Amino acid sequence: MAASDKAAEKLWHLQHCPLLAGLSQAEIEDLEQATVMVKLQPQDRLSISRGELPAVWLIKEGLMSLTYSDAEGVDATVLLLDPGDLFGAPEAVESSYGENATALKPTVLC
């Protein structure tokens, strides 16, 4: 997919996000420049750990499982995330556990 097609697709997703409904077209275009869009396939995993650049992800399409890993590395699902849900920013939560998000079906994140 060409870069201009990816940008147009990301812009479309941002324009159709209820969370961003109050933004002007210029603000949406600025946001398009400042964000990334990631497409995940089932079982693709994001590690959300402290020390990385803080990020907040918006689920545009798909389904994600938010899990925490204990000291032995065993995952426990704590939340299922649907389109419109936000996750990330581990600095906002006091936890000593590792946090991961796993795609359960094809998923688009911004």
C-alpha atoms as a PDB file:
ATOM      1  CA  MET A   1       0.000   0.000   0.000  1.00  0.00           C
ATOM      2  CA  ALA A   2       1.386   3.400  -0.974  1.00  0.00           C
ATOM      3  CA  ALA A   3       2.194   5.945   1.742  1.00  0.00           C
ATOM      4  CA  SER A   4      -0.563   8.275   0.512  1.00  0.00           C
ATOM      5  CA  ASP A   5      -3.097   5.416   0.702  1.00  0.00           C
ATOM      6  CA  LYS A   6      -2.015   4.624   4.275  1.00  0.00           C
ATOM      7  CA  ALA A   7      -2.303   8.286   5.272  1.00  0.00           C
ATOM      8  CA  ALA A   8      -5.764   8.508   3.697  1.00  0.00           C
ATOM      9  CA  GLU A   9      -6.859   5.356   5.525  1.00  0.00           C
ATOM     10  CA  LYS A  10      -5.537   6.664   8.854  1.00  0.00           C
ATOM     11  CA  LEU A  11      -7.262  10.015   8.266  1.00  0.00           C
ATOM     12  CA  TRP A  12     -10.535   8.197   7.560  1.00  0.00           C
ATOM     13  CA  HIS A  13     -10.236   6.248  10.844  1.00  0.00           C
ATOM     14  CA  LEU A  14      -9.529   9.433  12.820  1.00  0.00           C
ATOM     15  CA  GLN A  15     -12.456  11.274  11.184  1.00  0.00           C
ATOM     16  CA  HIS A  16     -14.826   8.450  12.135  1.00  0.00           C
ATOM     17  CA  CYS A  17     -13.712   8.089  15.752  1.00  0.00           C
ATOM     18  CA  PRO A  18     -16.455   9.242  18.154  1.00  0.00           C
ATOM     19  CA  LEU A  19     -13.791  10.191  20.719  1.00  0.00           C
ATOM     20  CA  LEU A  20     -12.434  12.810  18.295  1.00  0.00           C
ATOM     21  CA  ALA A  21     -15.819  14.119  17.078  1.00  0.00           C
ATOM     22  CA  GLY A  22     -15.280  17.602  18.557  1.00  0.00           C
ATOM     23  CA  LEU A  23     -12.044  18.275  16.674  1.00  0.00           C
ATOM     24  CA  SER A  24     -11.867  20.504  13.617  1.00  0.00           C
ATOM     25  CA  GLN A  25     -10.680  19.140  10.263  1.00  0.00           C
ATOM     26  CA  ALA A  26      -7.357  20.968  10.744  1.00  0.00           C
ATOM     27  CA  GLU A  27      -6.904  19.343  14.185  1.00  0.00           C
ATOM     28  CA  ILE A  28      -7.704  15.904  12.738  1.00  0.00           C
ATOM     29  CA  GLU A  29      -5.115  16.480   9.992  1.00  0.00           C
ATOM     30  CA  ASP A  30      -2.524  17.508  12.609  1.00  0.00           C
ATOM     31  CA  LEU A  31      -3.353  14.369  14.583  1.00  0.00           C
ATOM     32  CA  GLU A  32      -2.929  12.264  11.436  1.00  0.00           C
ATOM     33  CA  GLN A  33       0.626  13.618  11.099  1.00  0.00           C
ATOM     34  CA  ALA A  34       1.454  12.935  14.764  1.00  0.00           C
ATOM     35  CA  THR A  35       0.090   9.389  15.026  1.00  0.00           C
ATOM     36  CA  VAL A  36       0.847   5.964  13.649  1.00  0.00           C
ATOM     37  CA  MET A  37      -1.551   3.274  12.503  1.00  0.00           C
ATOM     38  CA  VAL A  38      -0.755  -0.360  13.185  1.00  0.00           C
ATOM     39  CA  LYS A  39      -2.488  -3.395  11.734  1.00  0.00           C
ATOM     40  CA  LEU A  40      -2.302  -6.607  13.734  1.00  0.00           C
ATOM     41  CA  GLN A  41      -3.206 -10.164  12.877  1.00  0.00           C
ATOM     42  CA  PRO A  42      -4.594 -12.660  15.413  1.00  0.00           C
ATOM     43  CA  GLN A  43      -1.999 -13.545  18.069  1.00  0.00           C
ATOM     44  CA  ASP A  44       0.163 -10.484  17.275  1.00  0.00           C
ATOM     45  CA  ARG A  45       1.229  -8.999  20.605  1.00  0.00           C
ATOM     46  CA  LEU A  46       2.185  -5.549  21.873  1.00  0.00           C
ATOM     47  CA  SER A  47       4.306  -5.270  24.987  1.00  0.00           C
ATOM     48  CA  ILE A  48       3.327  -2.247  27.041  1.00  0.00           C
ATOM     49  CA  SER A  49       6.139  -1.807  29.502  1.00  0.00           C
ATOM     50  CA  ARG A  50       7.530   0.970  31.589  1.00  0.00           C
ATOM     51  CA  GLY A  51      10.621   2.645  30.226  1.00  0.00           C
ATOM     52  CA  GLU A  52       9.354   2.660  26.640  1.00  0.00           C
ATOM     53  CA  LEU A  53       7.919   5.802  25.129  1.00  0.00           C
ATOM     54  CA  PRO A  54       4.474   6.219  26.655  1.00  0.00           C
ATOM     55  CA  ALA A  55       1.715   5.624  24.148  1.00  0.00           C
ATOM     56  CA  VAL A  56      -2.041   5.510  24.219  1.00  0.00           C
ATOM     57  CA  TRP A  57      -3.596   3.249  21.619  1.00  0.00           C
ATOM     58  CA  LEU A  58      -7.120   3.525  20.213  1.00  0.00           C
ATOM     59  CA  ILE A  59      -8.716   0.391  18.820  1.00  0.00           C
ATOM     60  CA  LYS A  60     -10.359   1.263  15.509  1.00  0.00           C
ATOM     61  CA  GLU A  61     -11.247  -2.267  14.390  1.00  0.00           C
ATOM     62  CA  GLY A  62     -10.864  -5.697  15.887  1.00  0.00           C
ATOM     63  CA  LEU A  63     -10.591  -7.230  19.328  1.00  0.00           C
ATOM     64  CA  MET A  64      -7.670  -7.208  21.794  1.00  0.00           C
ATOM     65  CA  SER A  65      -7.020  -9.059  25.027  1.00  0.00           C
ATOM     66  CA  LEU A  66      -5.234  -7.054  27.728  1.00  0.00           C
ATOM     67  CA  THR A  67      -3.129  -9.313  29.928  1.00  0.00           C
ATOM     68  CA  TYR A  68      -0.731  -8.985  32.831  1.00  0.00           C
ATOM     69  CA  SER A  69       2.181 -11.378  33.329  1.00  0.00           C
ATOM     70  CA  ASP A  70       3.127 -12.418  36.843  1.00  0.00           C
ATOM     71  CA  ALA A  71       6.673 -12.992  38.098  1.00  0.00           C
ATOM     72  CA  GLU A  72       6.667 -16.505  36.595  1.00  0.00           C
ATOM     73  CA  GLY A  73       5.560 -15.162  33.197  1.00  0.00           C
ATOM     74  CA  VAL A  74       2.031 -16.540  33.396  1.00  0.00           C
ATOM     75  CA  ASP A  75      -0.500 -14.322  31.612  1.00  0.00           C
ATOM     76  CA  ALA A  76      -3.900 -13.473  33.043  1.00  0.00           C
ATOM     77  CA  THR A  77      -6.466 -11.748  30.832  1.00  0.00           C
ATOM     78  CA  VAL A  78      -7.899  -8.769  32.664  1.00  0.00           C
ATOM     79  CA  LEU A  79      -9.894  -7.057  29.919  1.00  0.00           C
ATOM     80  CA  LEU A  80     -11.200  -7.517  26.390  1.00  0.00           C
ATOM     81  CA  LEU A  81     -10.899  -4.366  24.298  1.00  0.00           C
ATOM     82  CA  ASP A  82     -13.289  -3.451  21.452  1.00  0.00           C
ATOM     83  CA  PRO A  83     -13.334  -0.665  18.845  1.00  0.00           C
ATOM     84  CA  GLY A  84     -13.339   2.723  20.565  1.00  0.00           C
ATOM     85  CA  ASP A  85     -11.434   1.476  23.626  1.00  0.00           C
ATOM     86  CA  LEU A  86      -8.137   3.049  24.708  1.00  0.00           C
ATOM     87  CA  PHE A  87      -5.197   1.293  26.332  1.00  0.00           C
ATOM     88  CA  GLY A  88      -1.531   1.900  27.102  1.00  0.00           C
ATOM     89  CA  ALA A  89       0.239   4.623  29.120  1.00  0.00           C
ATOM     90  CA  PRO A  90       1.655   2.237  31.750  1.00  0.00           C
ATOM     91  CA  GLU A  91       2.973   5.184  33.777  1.00  0.00           C
ATOM     92  CA  ALA A  92      -0.636   5.992  34.699  1.00  0.00           C
ATOM     93  CA  VAL A  93      -1.071   2.688  36.562  1.00  0.00           C
ATOM     94  CA  GLU A  94       0.863   1.506  39.597  1.00  0.00           C
ATOM     95  CA  SER A  95       1.758  -2.117  38.849  1.00  0.00           C
ATOM     96  CA  SER A  96       4.805  -4.333  39.058  1.00  0.00           C
ATOM     97  CA  TYR A  97       3.428  -6.724  36.444  1.00  0.00           C
ATOM     98  CA  GLY A  98       4.138  -6.767  32.721  1.00  0.00           C
ATOM     99  CA  GLU A  99       1.257  -5.611  30.556  1.00  0.00           C
ATOM    100  CA  ASN A 100       0.581  -6.993  27.090  1.00  0.00           C
ATOM    101  CA  ALA A 101      -2.144  -6.650  24.483  1.00  0.00           C
ATOM    102  CA  THR A 102      -2.822  -9.476  22.049  1.00  0.00           C
ATOM    103  CA  ALA A 103      -4.957  -9.276  18.923  1.00  0.00           C
ATOM    104  CA  LEU A 104      -7.732 -11.868  18.951  1.00  0.00           C
ATOM    105  CA  LYS A 105      -8.827 -11.061  15.410  1.00  0.00           C
ATOM    106  CA  PRO A 106      -7.520  -8.686  12.690  1.00  0.00           C
ATOM    107  CA  THR A 107      -7.128  -5.333  14.464  1.00  0.00           C
ATOM    108  CA  VAL A 108      -6.353  -1.728  13.527  1.00  0.00           C
ATOM    109  CA  LEU A 109      -4.788   0.573  16.159  1.00  0.00           C
ATOM    110  CA  CYS A 110      -4.097   4.303  16.027  1.00  0.00           C
END
